[in-house]
Amino acid sequence: MGDITVDKKKKRSWRDVFRAFGRAHKKASVQVEGFAPLLAHLNEMRVRVFKAFLALMVTTGVSFAFSEQVIQYLALPIGGMAKLVSIELTENIAIFMKVSLLGGFVLAMPVIVYQIMAFILPGLKRNERLWLLLMVPFATLLFAGGVAFTWFVMLPTAIPFLSGFMGITTQVRPENYFEFITRIMFWIGICFEMPLVIMFLAKLKLVTARQLAQGWRYAIVVMAIVAAAVTPTVDPVNMGLVMAPLMGLYIISIVLAAIVGRG
């Protein structure tokens, strides 16, 4: 009888081991199934990044063919390429490569934005998708407006002032010049995104049109600080050139905040 009892205990213990193993296997299967969506999203993100990178390589190759014409066009505000003086052996080719990469990035931007939206949109609600589809082209137009304002209004007044200040002849290096104008165009383009940012904050109920209208004095101070930081010169003329469109954009921001606030 004692041997039979021992055998039953052994059978029962082995049975418990198999049951525990089955429960652990089932739990592991559930965890793997839980990680499956995450792995699918990561794989999709990898594919999207690869497509965007491939588009950037193709557009950069296309940009190489037109980089010289683009460089000559960008040198117009200072009086052409003859006004630039290179003091390093590799400076000219470095500028050519930078402009080619910048042109390739601009040309690839639609593909990059499309890949980002294609990755984000499936996880959003219908009204969120609509907002995103409206905001992306709006942001593009605002940024392009800031770049155009810098090129056609600000640089034609700022560069002659800087290069001829106090009557001193200035020899401008290509690297310094192209970095200067691209940085100015970029930051003023970012400043022109103000209506979009304020509309987004109004959508989140963080600000209202009434608050923006009542705080116009503080807004002018902030815009003056931003204009002083962005403007390459310290004279009031160029600061005024930057502040004028910012004030107009602030009024547009109040209107957009009122529209969003009404639902």
Protein backbone atom coordinates (compact mmCIF):
# COMPACT_ATOMS: atom_id res chain seq x y z
CA MET A 1 0.00 0.00 0.00
CA GLY A 2 2.84 2.33 0.75
CA ASP A 3 4.29 1.83 -2.75
CA ILE A 4 0.94 2.50 -4.36
CA THR A 5 0.60 5.78 -2.39
CA VAL A 6 4.06 6.89 -3.48
CA ASP A 7 3.22 6.12 -7.12
CA LYS A 8 0.02 8.19 -6.91
CA LYS A 9 1.97 11.12 -5.42
CA LYS A 10 4.52 10.86 -8.22
CA LYS A 11 1.80 10.77 -10.87
CA ARG A 12 0.08 13.72 -9.26
CA SER A 13 3.31 15.74 -9.14
CA TRP A 14 4.10 15.06 -12.79
CA ARG A 15 0.55 16.03 -13.70
CA ASP A 16 0.98 19.35 -11.83
CA VAL A 17 4.25 19.99 -13.65
CA PHE A 18 2.61 19.52 -17.04
CA ARG A 19 -0.27 21.76 -16.04
CA ALA A 20 2.11 24.49 -14.87
CA PHE A 21 4.06 24.16 -18.09
CA GLY A 22 0.84 24.50 -20.09
CA ARG A 23 -0.17 27.63 -18.17
CA ALA A 24 3.26 29.18 -18.70
CA HIS A 25 3.16 28.36 -22.41
CA LYS A 26 -0.29 29.91 -22.73
CA LYS A 27 0.87 33.05 -20.88
CA ALA A 28 3.92 33.33 -23.11
CA SER A 29 1.72 32.97 -26.19
CA VAL A 30 -0.51 35.80 -24.95
CA GLN A 31 2.54 38.01 -24.38
CA VAL A 32 3.85 37.26 -27.89
CA GLU A 33 0.45 38.08 -29.34
CA GLY A 34 0.51 41.36 -27.38
CA PHE A 35 3.91 42.27 -28.85
CA ALA A 36 2.79 41.44 -32.40
CA PRO A 37 1.05 44.79 -33.06
CA LEU A 38 4.08 46.67 -31.72
CA LEU A 39 6.41 44.71 -33.97
CA ALA A 40 4.12 45.38 -36.94
CA HIS A 41 4.19 49.12 -36.21
CA LEU A 42 7.97 49.10 -35.87
CA ASN A 43 8.31 47.24 -39.15
CA GLU A 44 5.99 49.72 -40.87
CA MET A 45 7.98 52.63 -39.45
CA ARG A 46 11.18 51.05 -40.76
CA VAL A 47 9.68 50.75 -44.24
CA ARG A 48 8.41 54.36 -44.14
CA VAL A 49 11.80 55.70 -43.03
CA PHE A 50 13.55 53.72 -45.77
CA LYS A 51 11.20 55.09 -48.45
CA ALA A 52 11.72 58.66 -47.21
CA PHE A 53 15.50 58.16 -47.17
CA LEU A 54 15.41 56.67 -50.68
CA ALA A 55 13.39 59.66 -51.93
CA LEU A 56 15.93 62.00 -50.31
CA MET A 57 18.78 60.25 -52.12
CA VAL A 58 17.01 60.50 -55.47
CA THR A 59 16.08 64.17 -55.06
CA THR A 60 19.58 65.02 -53.87
CA GLY A 61 20.95 63.43 -57.04
CA VAL A 62 18.54 65.56 -59.09
CA SER A 63 19.53 68.65 -57.09
CA PHE A 64 23.19 68.10 -58.00
CA ALA A 65 22.38 68.92 -61.62
CA PHE A 66 20.94 72.34 -60.71
CA SER A 67 23.05 73.32 -57.70
CA GLU A 68 25.20 75.78 -59.62
CA GLN A 69 22.15 77.69 -60.88
CA VAL A 70 20.66 77.70 -57.37
CA ILE A 71 23.90 79.03 -55.88
CA GLN A 72 24.05 81.82 -58.43
CA TYR A 73 20.43 82.74 -57.68
CA LEU A 74 21.05 82.78 -53.91
CA ALA A 75 24.03 85.09 -54.46
CA LEU A 76 21.91 87.78 -56.15
CA PRO A 77 21.21 89.82 -52.95
CA ILE A 78 24.92 90.42 -52.42
CA GLY A 79 25.61 91.25 -56.06
CA GLY A 80 26.48 87.87 -57.55
CA MET A 81 29.19 85.26 -57.10
CA ALA A 82 31.92 87.79 -57.93
CA LYS A 83 31.33 89.48 -54.56
CA LEU A 84 32.18 86.32 -52.63
CA VAL A 85 35.77 85.52 -51.65
CA SER A 86 36.86 82.00 -50.79
CA ILE A 87 39.87 81.59 -48.50
CA GLU A 88 39.92 77.79 -48.22
CA LEU A 89 40.65 75.26 -50.92
CA THR A 90 37.63 73.06 -50.18
CA GLU A 91 35.17 75.84 -49.35
CA ASN A 92 33.60 76.06 -52.81
CA ILE A 93 32.89 72.36 -53.12
CA ALA A 94 31.58 72.28 -49.54
CA ILE A 95 29.05 74.98 -50.44
CA PHE A 96 28.08 73.04 -53.56
CA MET A 97 27.44 69.90 -51.51
CA LYS A 98 25.45 71.74 -48.84
CA VAL A 99 23.22 73.44 -51.38
CA SER A 100 22.69 70.12 -53.16
CA LEU A 101 21.62 68.44 -49.92
CA LEU A 102 19.37 71.36 -49.02
CA GLY A 103 17.75 71.29 -52.45
CA GLY A 104 17.28 67.52 -52.23
CA PHE A 105 15.63 67.87 -48.84
CA VAL A 106 13.22 70.52 -50.15
CA LEU A 107 12.32 68.39 -53.18
CA ALA A 108 11.84 65.29 -51.02
CA MET A 109 9.67 67.09 -48.46
CA PRO A 110 6.32 66.04 -50.07
CA VAL A 111 7.36 62.39 -49.97
CA ILE A 112 8.63 62.70 -46.38
CA VAL A 113 5.40 64.38 -45.25
CA TYR A 114 3.35 61.71 -47.04
CA GLN A 115 5.25 58.88 -45.31
CA ILE A 116 4.76 60.53 -41.91
CA MET A 117 1.05 61.04 -42.52
CA ALA A 118 0.59 57.50 -43.86
CA PHE A 119 2.10 56.19 -40.62
CA ILE A 120 0.10 58.46 -38.30
CA LEU A 121 -3.35 58.68 -39.91
CA PRO A 122 -4.53 55.07 -39.34
CA GLY A 123 -4.26 55.60 -35.58
CA LEU A 124 -6.28 58.82 -35.49
CA LYS A 125 -9.98 59.48 -35.33
CA ARG A 126 -11.85 60.90 -38.30
CA ASN A 127 -11.94 64.49 -37.03
CA GLU A 128 -8.26 64.28 -36.05
CA ARG A 129 -7.38 63.11 -39.56
CA LEU A 130 -9.28 66.04 -41.01
CA TRP A 131 -7.42 68.50 -38.77
CA LEU A 132 -4.07 67.00 -39.72
CA LEU A 133 -4.87 67.07 -43.44
CA LEU A 134 -5.81 70.74 -43.15
CA MET A 135 -2.86 71.78 -40.99
CA VAL A 136 -0.08 70.25 -43.10
CA PRO A 137 -0.70 72.31 -46.28
CA PHE A 138 -1.48 75.35 -44.13
CA ALA A 139 1.87 75.01 -42.35
CA THR A 140 3.63 74.59 -45.70
CA LEU A 141 2.07 77.77 -47.09
CA LEU A 142 2.95 79.75 -43.97
CA PHE A 143 6.56 78.59 -44.04
CA ALA A 144 6.83 79.36 -47.77
CA GLY A 145 5.35 82.80 -47.08
CA GLY A 146 8.03 83.46 -44.45
CA VAL A 147 10.80 82.39 -46.81
CA ALA A 148 9.39 84.56 -49.61
CA PHE A 149 9.10 87.54 -47.28
CA THR A 150 12.74 87.10 -46.22
CA TRP A 151 13.98 86.81 -49.79
CA PHE A 152 12.01 89.59 -51.44
CA VAL A 153 11.66 92.11 -48.61
CA MET A 154 14.17 91.61 -45.83
CA LEU A 155 17.42 90.47 -47.49
CA PRO A 156 17.46 93.25 -50.15
CA THR A 157 17.56 95.79 -47.30
CA ALA A 158 19.60 93.91 -44.69
CA ILE A 159 22.52 92.75 -46.84
CA PRO A 160 23.45 96.18 -48.29
CA PHE A 161 23.21 97.64 -44.79
CA LEU A 162 25.53 94.98 -43.35
CA SER A 163 28.05 94.90 -46.20
CA GLY A 164 28.39 98.69 -46.44
CA PHE A 165 28.09 99.69 -42.80
CA MET A 166 30.34 102.68 -41.93
CA GLY A 167 31.68 102.64 -45.48
CA ILE A 168 34.00 99.70 -44.77
CA THR A 169 34.48 97.26 -47.64
CA THR A 170 33.44 93.77 -46.60
CA GLN A 171 34.85 90.64 -48.21
CA VAL A 172 32.23 87.97 -47.69
CA ARG A 173 33.09 84.28 -47.58
CA PRO A 174 30.71 81.90 -49.42
CA GLU A 175 30.30 79.64 -46.39
CA ASN A 176 29.38 82.55 -44.12
CA TYR A 177 27.03 84.12 -46.66
CA PHE A 178 25.01 81.01 -47.56
CA GLU A 179 24.77 79.88 -43.95
CA PHE A 180 23.56 83.38 -43.03
CA ILE A 181 20.77 83.65 -45.60
CA THR A 182 19.53 80.07 -45.17
CA ARG A 183 19.43 80.47 -41.38
CA ILE A 184 17.49 83.74 -41.65
CA MET A 185 14.99 82.27 -44.12
CA PHE A 186 14.50 79.19 -41.94
CA TRP A 187 13.83 81.04 -38.68
CA ILE A 188 11.54 83.63 -40.21
CA GLY A 189 9.67 80.79 -41.91
CA ILE A 190 9.28 79.21 -38.47
CA CYS A 191 8.01 82.53 -37.05
CA PHE A 192 5.33 82.60 -39.73
CA GLU A 193 3.92 79.37 -38.26
CA MET A 194 2.50 81.40 -35.34
CA PRO A 195 -1.18 81.23 -36.49
CA LEU A 196 -0.96 77.46 -36.73
CA VAL A 197 0.56 77.11 -33.27
CA ILE A 198 -2.02 79.40 -31.68
CA MET A 199 -4.86 77.63 -33.48
CA PHE A 200 -3.57 74.32 -32.10
CA LEU A 201 -3.39 75.76 -28.57
CA ALA A 202 -6.95 77.09 -28.97
CA LYS A 203 -8.06 73.64 -30.08
CA LEU A 204 -6.62 72.24 -26.84
CA LYS A 205 -8.49 74.95 -24.87
CA LEU A 206 -5.22 76.40 -23.58
CA VAL A 207 -5.87 79.88 -24.98
CA THR A 208 -8.92 81.76 -26.22
CA ALA A 209 -9.44 84.58 -28.68
CA ARG A 210 -10.47 86.89 -25.85
CA GLN A 211 -7.23 86.22 -23.97
CA LEU A 212 -5.18 86.87 -27.10
CA ALA A 213 -7.02 90.12 -27.82
CA GLN A 214 -6.62 91.36 -24.25
CA GLY A 215 -2.93 90.45 -24.14
CA TRP A 216 -1.89 92.33 -27.29
CA ARG A 217 0.55 94.51 -25.33
CA TYR A 218 2.46 91.47 -24.10
CA ALA A 219 2.32 90.03 -27.62
CA ILE A 220 4.01 93.13 -29.04
CA VAL A 221 6.81 92.83 -26.48
CA VAL A 222 7.32 89.15 -27.34
CA MET A 223 7.30 89.91 -31.07
CA ALA A 224 9.87 92.67 -30.55
CA ILE A 225 12.14 90.22 -28.72
CA VAL A 226 11.70 87.61 -31.46
CA ALA A 227 12.38 90.21 -34.16
CA ALA A 228 15.54 91.33 -32.37
CA ALA A 229 16.72 87.72 -32.11
CA VAL A 230 15.94 86.82 -35.72
CA THR A 231 16.92 90.08 -37.43
CA PRO A 232 20.57 90.09 -38.53
CA THR A 233 20.87 93.82 -37.85
CA VAL A 234 20.09 95.94 -34.81
CA ASP A 235 18.56 98.88 -36.67
CA PRO A 236 14.85 99.60 -36.15
CA VAL A 237 14.10 99.49 -39.89
CA ASN A 238 14.84 95.78 -40.28
CA MET A 239 13.23 95.00 -36.94
CA GLY A 240 10.13 96.81 -38.11
CA LEU A 241 10.14 94.78 -41.33
CA VAL A 242 9.97 91.61 -39.25
CA MET A 243 7.49 92.88 -36.67
CA ALA A 244 4.95 94.16 -39.23
CA PRO A 245 4.05 90.75 -40.68
CA LEU A 246 4.19 89.16 -37.23
CA MET A 247 1.59 91.61 -35.98
CA GLY A 248 -0.59 90.83 -38.98
CA LEU A 249 -0.19 87.11 -38.29
CA TYR A 250 -1.14 87.70 -34.67
CA ILE A 251 -4.43 89.25 -35.79
CA ILE A 252 -5.03 86.24 -38.04
CA SER A 253 -4.25 84.01 -35.05
CA ILE A 254 -6.96 85.73 -32.99
CA VAL A 255 -9.49 85.13 -35.79
CA LEU A 256 -8.51 81.47 -36.10
CA ALA A 257 -8.68 81.00 -32.32
CA ALA A 258 -12.20 82.46 -32.33
CA ILE A 259 -13.25 80.08 -35.12
CA VAL A 260 -11.78 77.07 -33.31
CA GLY A 261 -13.30 78.19 -30.01
CA ARG A 262 -16.76 78.17 -31.53
CA GLY A 263 -16.27 74.57 -32.59
